[in-house]
C-alpha atoms as a PDB file:
ATOM      1  CA  MET A   1     180.326 195.366 -30.424  1.00  0.00           C
ATOM      2  CA  VAL A   2     179.634 199.083 -31.064  1.00  0.00           C
ATOM      3  CA  TRP A   3     182.290 199.088 -33.726  1.00  0.00           C
ATOM      4  CA  ILE A   4     180.416 196.483 -35.588  1.00  0.00           C
ATOM      5  CA  ALA A   5     177.304 198.702 -35.672  1.00  0.00           C
ATOM      6  CA  LEU A   6     179.325 201.727 -36.698  1.00  0.00           C
ATOM      7  CA  TRP A   7     180.955 199.859 -39.430  1.00  0.00           C
ATOM      8  CA  LEU A   8     177.604 198.631 -40.927  1.00  0.00           C
ATOM      9  CA  ILE A   9     176.063 201.976 -40.500  1.00  0.00           C
ATOM     10  CA  GLY A  10     179.058 203.663 -42.221  1.00  0.00           C
ATOM     11  CA  ALA A  11     179.339 201.144 -45.006  1.00  0.00           C
ATOM     12  CA  SER A  12     175.586 201.213 -45.651  1.00  0.00           C
ATOM     13  CA  LEU A  13     175.590 205.000 -45.796  1.00  0.00           C
ATOM     14  CA  LEU A  14     178.522 204.898 -48.200  1.00  0.00           C
ATOM     15  CA  ALA A  15     176.775 202.316 -50.493  1.00  0.00           C
ATOM     16  CA  PHE A  16     173.436 204.329 -50.378  1.00  0.00           C
ATOM     17  CA  VAL A  17     175.323 207.584 -51.412  1.00  0.00           C
ATOM     18  CA  LEU A  18     177.291 205.742 -54.063  1.00  0.00           C
ATOM     19  CA  TYR A  19     174.180 204.159 -55.725  1.00  0.00           C
ATOM     20  CA  GLY A  20     172.424 207.537 -55.582  1.00  0.00           C
ATOM     21  CA  SER A  21     175.427 209.345 -57.108  1.00  0.00           C
ATOM     22  CA  ASP A  22     175.871 206.821 -59.752  1.00  0.00           C
ATOM     23  CA  LYS A  23     172.216 207.141 -60.795  1.00  0.00           C
ATOM     24  CA  PHE A  24     172.584 210.972 -60.799  1.00  0.00           C
ATOM     25  CA  ARG A  25     175.723 210.640 -63.039  1.00  0.00           C
ATOM     26  CA  ALA A  26     173.967 208.259 -65.381  1.00  0.00           C
ATOM     27  CA  LYS A  27     171.077 210.631 -65.922  1.00  0.00           C
ATOM     28  CA  ARG A  28     173.603 213.644 -66.482  1.00  0.00           C
ATOM     29  CA  GLY A  29     176.195 211.792 -68.446  1.00  0.00           C
ATOM     30  CA  GLY A  30     178.947 212.303 -65.976  1.00  0.00           C
ATOM     31  CA  PRO A  31     181.745 209.885 -65.012  1.00  0.00           C
ATOM     32  CA  ARG A  32     180.243 206.779 -63.671  1.00  0.00           C
ATOM     33  CA  ILE A  33     181.076 204.696 -60.513  1.00  0.00           C
ATOM     34  CA  SER A  34     182.248 201.227 -61.493  1.00  0.00           C
ATOM     35  CA  GLU A  35     180.118 198.204 -60.856  1.00  0.00           C
ATOM     36  CA  ALA A  36     182.944 196.552 -59.158  1.00  0.00           C
ATOM     37  CA  LEU A  37     183.139 199.438 -56.595  1.00  0.00           C
ATOM     38  CA  LEU A  38     179.350 199.281 -56.026  1.00  0.00           C
ATOM     39  CA  LEU A  39     179.476 195.573 -55.420  1.00  0.00           C
ATOM     40  CA  THR A  40     182.695 195.674 -53.260  1.00  0.00           C
ATOM     41  CA  VAL A  41     181.157 198.328 -50.941  1.00  0.00           C
ATOM     42  CA  ALA A  42     177.985 196.172 -50.631  1.00  0.00           C
ATOM     43  CA  ALA A  43     180.165 193.085 -49.842  1.00  0.00           C
ATOM     44  CA  LEU A  44     182.277 194.980 -47.197  1.00  0.00           C
ATOM     45  CA  GLY A  45     179.290 195.751 -45.030  1.00  0.00           C
ATOM     46  CA  GLY A  46     177.126 198.001 -47.134  1.00  0.00           C
ATOM     47  CA  GLY A  47     174.720 195.315 -48.342  1.00  0.00           C
ATOM     48  CA  PHE A  48     171.703 197.039 -46.621  1.00  0.00           C
ATOM     49  CA  GLY A  49     172.512 200.457 -48.017  1.00  0.00           C
ATOM     50  CA  ALA A  50     173.036 198.975 -51.458  1.00  0.00           C
ATOM     51  CA  MET A  51     169.644 197.257 -51.371  1.00  0.00           C
ATOM     52  CA  MET A  52     168.019 200.492 -50.240  1.00  0.00           C
ATOM     53  CA  GLY A  53     169.915 202.584 -52.908  1.00  0.00           C
ATOM     54  CA  MET A  54     168.811 200.060 -55.636  1.00  0.00           C
ATOM     55  CA  GLN A  55     165.150 200.414 -54.674  1.00  0.00           C
ATOM     56  CA  ILE A  56     164.966 204.075 -53.833  1.00  0.00           C
ATOM     57  CA  PHE A  57     166.970 205.346 -56.788  1.00  0.00           C
ATOM     58  CA  ARG A  58     165.765 202.521 -59.108  1.00  0.00           C
ATOM     59  CA  HIS A  59     169.314 201.864 -60.062  1.00  0.00           C
ATOM     60  CA  LYS A  60     170.863 198.620 -61.386  1.00  0.00           C
ATOM     61  CA  THR A  61     167.514 196.847 -60.717  1.00  0.00           C
ATOM     62  CA  LYS A  62     167.605 195.134 -64.165  1.00  0.00           C
ATOM     63  CA  ARG A  63     171.216 193.823 -63.908  1.00  0.00           C
ATOM     64  CA  LEU A  64     171.324 190.195 -62.901  1.00  0.00           C
ATOM     65  CA  LYS A  65     174.548 190.417 -61.110  1.00  0.00           C
ATOM     66  CA  PHE A  66     173.008 193.196 -58.840  1.00  0.00           C
ATOM     67  CA  LEU A  67     169.747 191.525 -58.438  1.00  0.00           C
ATOM     68  CA  LEU A  68     171.516 188.494 -57.141  1.00  0.00           C
ATOM     69  CA  GLY A  69     174.753 189.888 -55.860  1.00  0.00           C
ATOM     70  CA  VAL A  70     173.439 192.611 -53.506  1.00  0.00           C
ATOM     71  CA  PRO A  71     171.095 190.419 -51.626  1.00  0.00           C
ATOM     72  CA  LEU A  72     173.925 187.905 -51.349  1.00  0.00           C
ATOM     73  CA  CYS A  73     176.179 190.613 -49.935  1.00  0.00           C
ATOM     74  CA  PHE A  74     173.567 191.508 -47.391  1.00  0.00           C
ATOM     75  CA  LEU A  75     173.208 187.859 -46.426  1.00  0.00           C
ATOM     76  CA  PHE A  76     176.999 187.547 -46.261  1.00  0.00           C
ATOM     77  CA  ASN A  77     177.063 190.667 -44.032  1.00  0.00           C
ATOM     78  CA  ALA A  78     174.516 189.261 -41.738  1.00  0.00           C
ATOM     79  CA  ILE A  79     176.352 185.957 -41.380  1.00  0.00           C
ATOM     80  CA  VAL A  80     179.687 187.755 -40.672  1.00  0.00           C
ATOM     81  CA  VAL A  81     178.077 189.898 -38.055  1.00  0.00           C
ATOM     82  CA  TRP A  82     176.309 186.960 -36.385  1.00  0.00           C
ATOM     83  CA  ILE A  83     179.717 185.047 -36.108  1.00  0.00           C
ATOM     84  CA  LEU A  84     181.443 188.217 -34.764  1.00  0.00           C
ATOM     85  CA  ILE A  85     178.796 188.772 -32.079  1.00  0.00           C
ATOM     86  CA  GLN A  86     179.022 185.017 -31.116  1.00  0.00           C
ATOM     87  CA  LEU A  87     182.665 185.262 -30.857  1.00  0.00           C
ATOM     88  CA  LEU A  88     182.785 188.506 -28.834  1.00  0.00           C
ATOM     89  CA  SER A  89     180.033 187.545 -26.519  1.00  0.00           C
ATOM     90  CA  GLN A  90     181.991 184.529 -25.118  1.00  0.00           C
END
């Protein structure tokens, strides 16, 4: 079960860094990180980090697909983790 925690921590850290980096790039006019990548990382375990990145960096907070999508990714992550824990504890 340790690998589940490591996966979630790693994916959340990656999501947080990507949201911060994209905000920095948006302000500086640099090449942006695609919205598809931001949402994919959130869906693949980085939902918590994506939510924190949105709030701390105030990034993508007015985009409906992020306002709905990121919390749904977090909920999806939580359900998958719960199922994995149930399966592995049997």
